[in-house]
Amino acid sequence: MAVRADIFETKQEAEEYMKRIEPTVPLVSLGGQPRNPPLEYKDFAKWKSDQGFEDYDYKTMYMPGGANPREMLLRKR
């Protein structure tokens, strides 16, 4: 479940955040723990590529030809 949504003023600000945070995420292969110490982002990006991982692409979640795609977080009470 999502626990928060971060808002960024620029794409560069969002990319800098991603490069700082992404290498610290928990990994199933490490029993749900983050790598310690985390890899530098360039090494993490190479590791992701070597594993065949792909970044999330919101466009794949929508029907072709749709307009104004957006994401919503819904929570049952």
PDB file of N, CA and C in Angstrom:
ATOM      1  N   MET A   1       0.842  -1.170   0.000  1.00  0.00           N
ATOM      2  CA  MET A   1       0.000   0.000   0.000  1.00  0.00           C
ATOM      3  C   MET A   1       0.896   1.244   0.000  1.00  0.00           C
ATOM      4  N   ALA A   2       0.509   2.195  -0.790  1.00  0.00           N
ATOM      5  CA  ALA A   2       1.254   3.456  -0.815  1.00  0.00           C
ATOM      6  C   ALA A   2       1.086   4.165   0.531  1.00  0.00           C
ATOM      7  N   VAL A   3       2.158   4.758   1.005  1.00  0.00           N
ATOM      8  CA  VAL A   3       2.097   5.460   2.287  1.00  0.00           C
ATOM      9  C   VAL A   3       2.234   6.970   2.142  1.00  0.00           C
ATOM     10  N   ARG A   4       2.651   7.418   0.947  1.00  0.00           N
ATOM     11  CA  ARG A   4       2.740   8.853   0.724  1.00  0.00           C
ATOM     12  C   ARG A   4       2.948   9.120  -0.762  1.00  0.00           C
ATOM     13  N   ALA A   5       2.718  10.341  -1.161  1.00  0.00           N
ATOM     14  CA  ALA A   5       2.976  10.782  -2.529  1.00  0.00           C
ATOM     15  C   ALA A   5       3.827  12.039  -2.446  1.00  0.00           C
ATOM     16  N   ASP A   6       4.954  12.032  -3.128  1.00  0.00           N
ATOM     17  CA  ASP A   6       5.849  13.188  -3.133  1.00  0.00           C
ATOM     18  C   ASP A   6       5.570  14.046  -4.369  1.00  0.00           C
ATOM     19  N   ILE A   7       5.623  15.341  -4.201  1.00  0.00           N
ATOM     20  CA  ILE A   7       5.377  16.300  -5.277  1.00  0.00           C
ATOM     21  C   ILE A   7       6.698  17.007  -5.583  1.00  0.00           C
ATOM     22  N   PHE A   8       7.010  17.134  -6.862  1.00  0.00           N
ATOM     23  CA  PHE A   8       8.250  17.784  -7.275  1.00  0.00           C
ATOM     24  C   PHE A   8       7.934  18.934  -8.217  1.00  0.00           C
ATOM     25  N   GLU A   9       8.698  19.987  -8.099  1.00  0.00           N
ATOM     26  CA  GLU A   9       8.506  21.168  -8.943  1.00  0.00           C
ATOM     27  C   GLU A   9       9.067  20.947 -10.347  1.00  0.00           C
ATOM     28  N   THR A  10      10.139  20.161 -10.466  1.00  0.00           N
ATOM     29  CA  THR A  10      10.776  19.939 -11.761  1.00  0.00           C
ATOM     30  C   THR A  10      11.101  18.466 -11.940  1.00  0.00           C
ATOM     31  N   LYS A  11      11.294  18.077 -13.191  1.00  0.00           N
ATOM     32  CA  LYS A  11      11.700  16.703 -13.498  1.00  0.00           C
ATOM     33  C   LYS A  11      13.087  16.434 -12.896  1.00  0.00           C
ATOM     34  N   GLN A  12      13.970  17.410 -12.946  1.00  0.00           N
ATOM     35  CA  GLN A  12      15.315  17.242 -12.397  1.00  0.00           C
ATOM     36  C   GLN A  12      15.257  16.959 -10.899  1.00  0.00           C
ATOM     37  N   GLU A  13      14.398  17.673 -10.193  1.00  0.00           N
ATOM     38  CA  GLU A  13      14.241  17.447  -8.752  1.00  0.00           C
ATOM     39  C   GLU A  13      13.756  16.014  -8.483  1.00  0.00           C
ATOM     40  N   ALA A  14      12.820  15.529  -9.288  1.00  0.00           N
ATOM     41  CA  ALA A  14      12.307  14.168  -9.134  1.00  0.00           C
ATOM     42  C   ALA A  14      13.385  13.132  -9.436  1.00  0.00           C
ATOM     43  N   GLU A  15      14.180  13.370 -10.472  1.00  0.00           N
ATOM     44  CA  GLU A  15      15.246  12.433 -10.833  1.00  0.00           C
ATOM     45  C   GLU A  15      16.327  12.379  -9.755  1.00  0.00           C
ATOM     46  N   GLU A  16      16.670  13.517  -9.175  1.00  0.00           N
ATOM     47  CA  GLU A  16      17.664  13.540  -8.097  1.00  0.00           C
ATOM     48  C   GLU A  16      17.158  12.743  -6.892  1.00  0.00           C
ATOM     49  N   TYR A  17      15.875  12.900  -6.578  1.00  0.00           N
ATOM     50  CA  TYR A  17      15.264  12.141  -5.480  1.00  0.00           C
ATOM     51  C   TYR A  17      15.329  10.639  -5.783  1.00  0.00           C
ATOM     52  N   MET A  18      14.951  10.258  -7.001  1.00  0.00           N
ATOM     53  CA  MET A  18      14.971   8.852  -7.391  1.00  0.00           C
ATOM     54  C   MET A  18      16.377   8.262  -7.254  1.00  0.00           C
ATOM     55  N   LYS A  19      17.384   9.004  -7.715  1.00  0.00           N
ATOM     56  CA  LYS A  19      18.754   8.509  -7.659  1.00  0.00           C
ATOM     57  C   LYS A  19      19.239   8.345  -6.225  1.00  0.00           C
ATOM     58  N   ARG A  20      18.702   9.130  -5.320  1.00  0.00           N
ATOM     59  CA  ARG A  20      19.080   9.036  -3.913  1.00  0.00           C
ATOM     60  C   ARG A  20      18.346   7.888  -3.202  1.00  0.00           C
ATOM     61  N   ILE A  21      17.077   7.679  -3.553  1.00  0.00           N
ATOM     62  CA  ILE A  21      16.237   6.734  -2.829  1.00  0.00           C
ATOM     63  C   ILE A  21      16.260   5.320  -3.414  1.00  0.00           C
ATOM     64  N   GLU A  22      16.220   5.203  -4.736  1.00  0.00           N
ATOM     65  CA  GLU A  22      16.064   3.894  -5.373  1.00  0.00           C
ATOM     66  C   GLU A  22      17.086   2.847  -4.911  1.00  0.00           C
ATOM     67  N   PRO A  23      18.369   3.183  -4.758  1.00  0.00           N
ATOM     68  CA  PRO A  23      19.321   2.153  -4.301  1.00  0.00           C
ATOM     69  C   PRO A  23      19.111   1.695  -2.854  1.00  0.00           C
ATOM     70  N   THR A  24      18.219   2.347  -2.115  1.00  0.00           N
ATOM     71  CA  THR A  24      18.013   1.990  -0.707  1.00  0.00           C
ATOM     72  C   THR A  24      16.746   1.163  -0.472  1.00  0.00           C
ATOM     73  N   VAL A  25      16.036   0.794  -1.557  1.00  0.00           N
ATOM     74  CA  VAL A  25      14.787   0.054  -1.382  1.00  0.00           C
ATOM     75  C   VAL A  25      15.069  -1.375  -0.923  1.00  0.00           C
ATOM     76  N   PRO A  26      14.161  -1.953  -0.130  1.00  0.00           N
ATOM     77  CA  PRO A  26      14.314  -3.345   0.286  1.00  0.00           C
ATOM     78  C   PRO A  26      14.240  -4.286  -0.916  1.00  0.00           C
ATOM     79  N   LEU A  27      14.989  -5.365  -0.862  1.00  0.00           N
ATOM     80  CA  LEU A  27      15.013  -6.349  -1.944  1.00  0.00           C
ATOM     81  C   LEU A  27      14.545  -7.702  -1.420  1.00  0.00           C
ATOM     82  N   VAL A  28      13.706  -8.374  -2.188  1.00  0.00           N
ATOM     83  CA  VAL A  28      13.244  -9.715  -1.812  1.00  0.00           C
ATOM     84  C   VAL A  28      14.443 -10.644  -1.649  1.00  0.00           C
ATOM     85  N   SER A  29      15.432 -10.504  -2.552  1.00  0.00           N
ATOM     86  CA  SER A  29      16.605 -11.379  -2.512  1.00  0.00           C
ATOM     87  C   SER A  29      17.442 -11.196  -1.248  1.00  0.00           C
ATOM     88  N   LEU A  30      17.202 -10.109  -0.522  1.00  0.00           N
ATOM     89  CA  LEU A  30      17.911  -9.872   0.740  1.00  0.00           C
ATOM     90  C   LEU A  30      16.955 -10.003   1.927  1.00  0.00           C
ATOM     91  N   GLY A  31      15.896 -10.786   1.739  1.00  0.00           N
ATOM     92  CA  GLY A  31      14.951 -11.014   2.828  1.00  0.00           C
ATOM     93  C   GLY A  31      14.157  -9.769   3.205  1.00  0.00           C
ATOM     94  N   GLY A  32      13.928  -8.886   2.227  1.00  0.00           N
ATOM     95  CA  GLY A  32      13.162  -7.673   2.500  1.00  0.00           C
ATOM     96  C   GLY A  32      13.981  -6.560   3.126  1.00  0.00           C
ATOM     97  N   GLN A  33      15.285  -6.701   3.103  1.00  0.00           N
ATOM     98  CA  GLN A  33      16.170  -5.671   3.649  1.00  0.00           C
ATOM     99  C   GLN A  33      16.857  -4.914   2.514  1.00  0.00           C
ATOM    100  N   PRO A  34      17.217  -3.670   2.749  1.00  0.00           N
ATOM    101  CA  PRO A  34      17.978  -2.934   1.721  1.00  0.00           C
ATOM    102  C   PRO A  34      19.437  -3.382   1.723  1.00  0.00           C
ATOM    103  N   ARG A  35      20.095  -3.191   0.606  1.00  0.00           N
ATOM    104  CA  ARG A  35      21.530  -3.478   0.514  1.00  0.00           C
ATOM    105  C   ARG A  35      22.262  -2.548   1.483  1.00  0.00           C
ATOM    106  N   ASN A  36      23.232  -3.087   2.203  1.00  0.00           N
ATOM    107  CA  ASN A  36      23.954  -2.284   3.192  1.00  0.00           C
ATOM    108  C   ASN A  36      25.443  -2.505   3.028  1.00  0.00           C
ATOM    109  N   PRO A  37      26.181  -1.508   2.587  1.00  0.00           N
ATOM    110  CA  PRO A  37      25.729  -0.159   2.239  1.00  0.00           C
ATOM    111  C   PRO A  37      25.077  -0.155   0.859  1.00  0.00           C
ATOM    112  N   PRO A  38      24.232   0.833   0.576  1.00  0.00           N
ATOM    113  CA  PRO A  38      23.601   0.903  -0.747  1.00  0.00           C
ATOM    114  C   PRO A  38      24.642   1.159  -1.833  1.00  0.00           C
ATOM    115  N   LEU A  39      24.344   0.670  -3.034  1.00  0.00           N
ATOM    116  CA  LEU A  39      25.215   0.949  -4.176  1.00  0.00           C
ATOM    117  C   LEU A  39      25.076   2.415  -4.576  1.00  0.00           C
ATOM    118  N   GLU A  40      26.112   2.945  -5.209  1.00  0.00           N
ATOM    119  CA  GLU A  40      25.976   4.257  -5.834  1.00  0.00           C
ATOM    120  C   GLU A  40      24.980   4.099  -6.974  1.00  0.00           C
ATOM    121  N   TYR A  41      24.288   5.180  -7.342  1.00  0.00           N
ATOM    122  CA  TYR A  41      23.211   5.055  -8.312  1.00  0.00           C
ATOM    123  C   TYR A  41      23.681   4.458  -9.639  1.00  0.00           C
ATOM    124  N   LYS A  42      24.844   4.865 -10.137  1.00  0.00           N
ATOM    125  CA  LYS A  42      25.306   4.332 -11.432  1.00  0.00           C
ATOM    126  C   LYS A  42      25.509   2.820 -11.352  1.00  0.00           C
ATOM    127  N   ASP A  43      25.991   2.315 -10.224  1.00  0.00           N
ATOM    128  CA  ASP A  43      26.166   0.877 -10.051  1.00  0.00           C
ATOM    129  C   ASP A  43      24.817   0.185  -9.882  1.00  0.00           C
ATOM    130  N   PHE A  44      23.887   0.847  -9.179  1.00  0.00           N
ATOM    131  CA  PHE A  44      22.550   0.297  -9.016  1.00  0.00           C
ATOM    132  C   PHE A  44      21.844   0.200 -10.366  1.00  0.00           C
ATOM    133  N   ALA A  45      21.975   1.249 -11.192  1.00  0.00           N
ATOM    134  CA  ALA A  45      21.349   1.252 -12.517  1.00  0.00           C
ATOM    135  C   ALA A  45      21.918   0.126 -13.383  1.00  0.00           C
ATOM    136  N   LYS A  46      23.212  -0.116 -13.286  1.00  0.00           N
ATOM    137  CA  LYS A  46      23.828  -1.220 -14.040  1.00  0.00           C
ATOM    138  C   LYS A  46      23.304  -2.555 -13.527  1.00  0.00           C
ATOM    139  N   TRP A  47      23.205  -2.714 -12.216  1.00  0.00           N
ATOM    140  CA  TRP A  47      22.680  -3.945 -11.633  1.00  0.00           C
ATOM    141  C   TRP A  47      21.245  -4.195 -12.122  1.00  0.00           C
ATOM    142  N   LYS A  48      20.413  -3.137 -12.113  1.00  0.00           N
ATOM    143  CA  LYS A  48      19.029  -3.260 -12.603  1.00  0.00           C
ATOM    144  C   LYS A  48      19.009  -3.718 -14.058  1.00  0.00           C
ATOM    145  N   SER A  49      19.855  -3.116 -14.873  1.00  0.00           N
ATOM    146  CA  SER A  49      19.921  -3.467 -16.288  1.00  0.00           C
ATOM    147  C   SER A  49      20.384  -4.915 -16.464  1.00  0.00           C
ATOM    148  N   ASP A  50      21.411  -5.305 -15.719  1.00  0.00           N
ATOM    149  CA  ASP A  50      21.926  -6.673 -15.794  1.00  0.00           C
ATOM    150  C   ASP A  50      20.865  -7.698 -15.403  1.00  0.00           C
ATOM    151  N   GLN A  51      19.964  -7.316 -14.486  1.00  0.00           N
ATOM    152  CA  GLN A  51      18.889  -8.206 -14.032  1.00  0.00           C
ATOM    153  C   GLN A  51      17.702  -8.217 -14.993  1.00  0.00           C
ATOM    154  N   GLY A  52      17.699  -7.310 -15.954  1.00  0.00           N
ATOM    155  CA  GLY A  52      16.587  -7.217 -16.903  1.00  0.00           C
ATOM    156  C   GLY A  52      15.373  -6.496 -16.338  1.00  0.00           C
ATOM    157  N   PHE A  53      15.556  -5.739 -15.261  1.00  0.00           N
ATOM    158  CA  PHE A  53      14.449  -4.988 -14.671  1.00  0.00           C
ATOM    159  C   PHE A  53      14.116  -3.779 -15.538  1.00  0.00           C
ATOM    160  N   GLU A  54      12.849  -3.412 -15.569  1.00  0.00           N
ATOM    161  CA  GLU A  54      12.407  -2.246 -16.321  1.00  0.00           C
ATOM    162  C   GLU A  54      11.752  -1.263 -15.369  1.00  0.00           C
ATOM    163  N   ASP A  55      11.917   0.025 -15.650  1.00  0.00           N
ATOM    164  CA  ASP A  55      11.258   1.049 -14.850  1.00  0.00           C
ATOM    165  C   ASP A  55       9.762   1.029 -15.132  1.00  0.00           C
ATOM    166  N   TYR A  56       8.984   1.456 -14.170  1.00  0.00           N
ATOM    167  CA  TYR A  56       7.538   1.536 -14.310  1.00  0.00           C
ATOM    168  C   TYR A  56       7.172   2.540 -15.397  1.00  0.00           C
ATOM    169  N   ASP A  57       6.292   2.155 -16.288  1.00  0.00           N
ATOM    170  CA  ASP A  57       5.825   3.043 -17.356  1.00  0.00           C
ATOM    171  C   ASP A  57       4.313   3.151 -17.245  1.00  0.00           C
ATOM    172  N   TYR A  58       3.837   4.268 -16.727  1.00  0.00           N
ATOM    173  CA  TYR A  58       2.399   4.437 -16.517  1.00  0.00           C
ATOM    174  C   TYR A  58       1.603   4.295 -17.812  1.00  0.00           C
ATOM    175  N   LYS A  59       2.235   4.585 -18.962  1.00  0.00           N
ATOM    176  CA  LYS A  59       1.506   4.542 -20.232  1.00  0.00           C
ATOM    177  C   LYS A  59       1.019   3.136 -20.566  1.00  0.00           C
ATOM    178  N   THR A  60       1.687   2.113 -20.047  1.00  0.00           N
ATOM    179  CA  THR A  60       1.276   0.736 -20.334  1.00  0.00           C
ATOM    180  C   THR A  60       0.004   0.353 -19.584  1.00  0.00           C
ATOM    181  N   MET A  61      -0.444   1.183 -18.663  1.00  0.00           N
ATOM    182  CA  MET A  61      -1.627   0.879 -17.860  1.00  0.00           C
ATOM    183  C   MET A  61      -2.917   1.441 -18.465  1.00  0.00           C
ATOM    184  N   TYR A  62      -2.822   2.157 -19.578  1.00  0.00           N
ATOM    185  CA  TYR A  62      -3.975   2.823 -20.159  1.00  0.00           C
ATOM    186  C   TYR A  62      -4.235   2.318 -21.561  1.00  0.00           C
ATOM    187  N   MET A  63      -5.487   2.411 -21.985  1.00  0.00           N
ATOM    188  CA  MET A  63      -5.868   1.996 -23.332  1.00  0.00           C
ATOM    189  C   MET A  63      -5.207   2.923 -24.357  1.00  0.00           C
ATOM    190  N   PRO A  64      -4.778   2.375 -25.494  1.00  0.00           N
ATOM    191  CA  PRO A  64      -4.218   3.232 -26.547  1.00  0.00           C
ATOM    192  C   PRO A  64      -5.239   4.286 -26.980  1.00  0.00           C
ATOM    193  N   GLY A  65      -4.764   5.483 -27.256  1.00  0.00           N
ATOM    194  CA  GLY A  65      -5.637   6.546 -27.719  1.00  0.00           C
ATOM    195  C   GLY A  65      -6.309   7.327 -26.606  1.00  0.00           C
ATOM    196  N   GLY A  66      -6.080   6.929 -25.359  1.00  0.00           N
ATOM    197  CA  GLY A  66      -6.678   7.654 -24.241  1.00  0.00           C
ATOM    198  C   GLY A  66      -6.062   9.028 -24.102  1.00  0.00           C
ATOM    199  N   ALA A  67      -6.762   9.903 -23.414  1.00  0.00           N
ATOM    200  CA  ALA A  67      -6.273  11.259 -23.214  1.00  0.00           C
ATOM    201  C   ALA A  67      -6.241  11.567 -21.722  1.00  0.00           C
ATOM    202  N   ASN A  68      -5.296  12.400 -21.325  1.00  0.00           N
ATOM    203  CA  ASN A  68      -5.192  12.866 -19.950  1.00  0.00           C
ATOM    204  C   ASN A  68      -5.071  11.724 -18.933  1.00  0.00           C
ATOM    205  N   PRO A  69      -4.093  10.824 -19.100  1.00  0.00           N
ATOM    206  CA  PRO A  69      -3.935   9.742 -18.124  1.00  0.00           C
ATOM    207  C   PRO A  69      -3.543  10.298 -16.761  1.00  0.00           C
ATOM    208  N   ARG A  70      -4.014   9.652 -15.711  1.00  0.00           N
ATOM    209  CA  ARG A  70      -3.627  10.057 -14.358  1.00  0.00           C
ATOM    210  C   ARG A  70      -3.699   8.841 -13.451  1.00  0.00           C
ATOM    211  N   GLU A  71      -2.995   8.911 -12.362  1.00  0.00           N
ATOM    212  CA  GLU A  71      -3.005   7.836 -11.389  1.00  0.00           C
ATOM    213  C   GLU A  71      -3.800   8.277 -10.169  1.00  0.00           C
ATOM    214  N   MET A  72      -4.500   7.314  -9.567  1.00  0.00           N
ATOM    215  CA  MET A  72      -5.273   7.605  -8.355  1.00  0.00           C
ATOM    216  C   MET A  72      -4.963   6.518  -7.335  1.00  0.00           C
ATOM    217  N   LEU A  73      -4.877   6.941  -6.096  1.00  0.00           N
ATOM    218  CA  LEU A  73      -4.721   5.996  -4.997  1.00  0.00           C
ATOM    219  C   LEU A  73      -6.056   5.918  -4.264  1.00  0.00           C
ATOM    220  N   LEU A  74      -6.618   4.732  -4.187  1.00  0.00           N
ATOM    221  CA  LEU A  74      -7.887   4.523  -3.495  1.00  0.00           C
ATOM    222  C   LEU A  74      -7.647   3.593  -2.320  1.00  0.00           C
ATOM    223  N   ARG A  75      -8.335   3.836  -1.249  1.00  0.00           N
ATOM    224  CA  ARG A  75      -8.176   3.007  -0.054  1.00  0.00           C
ATOM    225  C   ARG A  75      -9.537   2.642   0.488  1.00  0.00           C
ATOM    226  N   LYS A  76      -9.748   1.345   0.737  1.00  0.00           N
ATOM    227  CA  LYS A  76     -11.005   0.907   1.348  1.00  0.00           C
ATOM    228  C   LYS A  76     -10.991   1.270   2.814  1.00  0.00           C
ATOM    229  N   ARG A  77     -12.166   1.627   3.320  1.00  0.00           N
ATOM    230  CA  ARG A  77     -12.269   1.919   4.758  1.00  0.00           C
ATOM    231  C   ARG A  77     -12.507   0.655   5.522  1.00  0.00           C
TER     232      ARG A  77
END
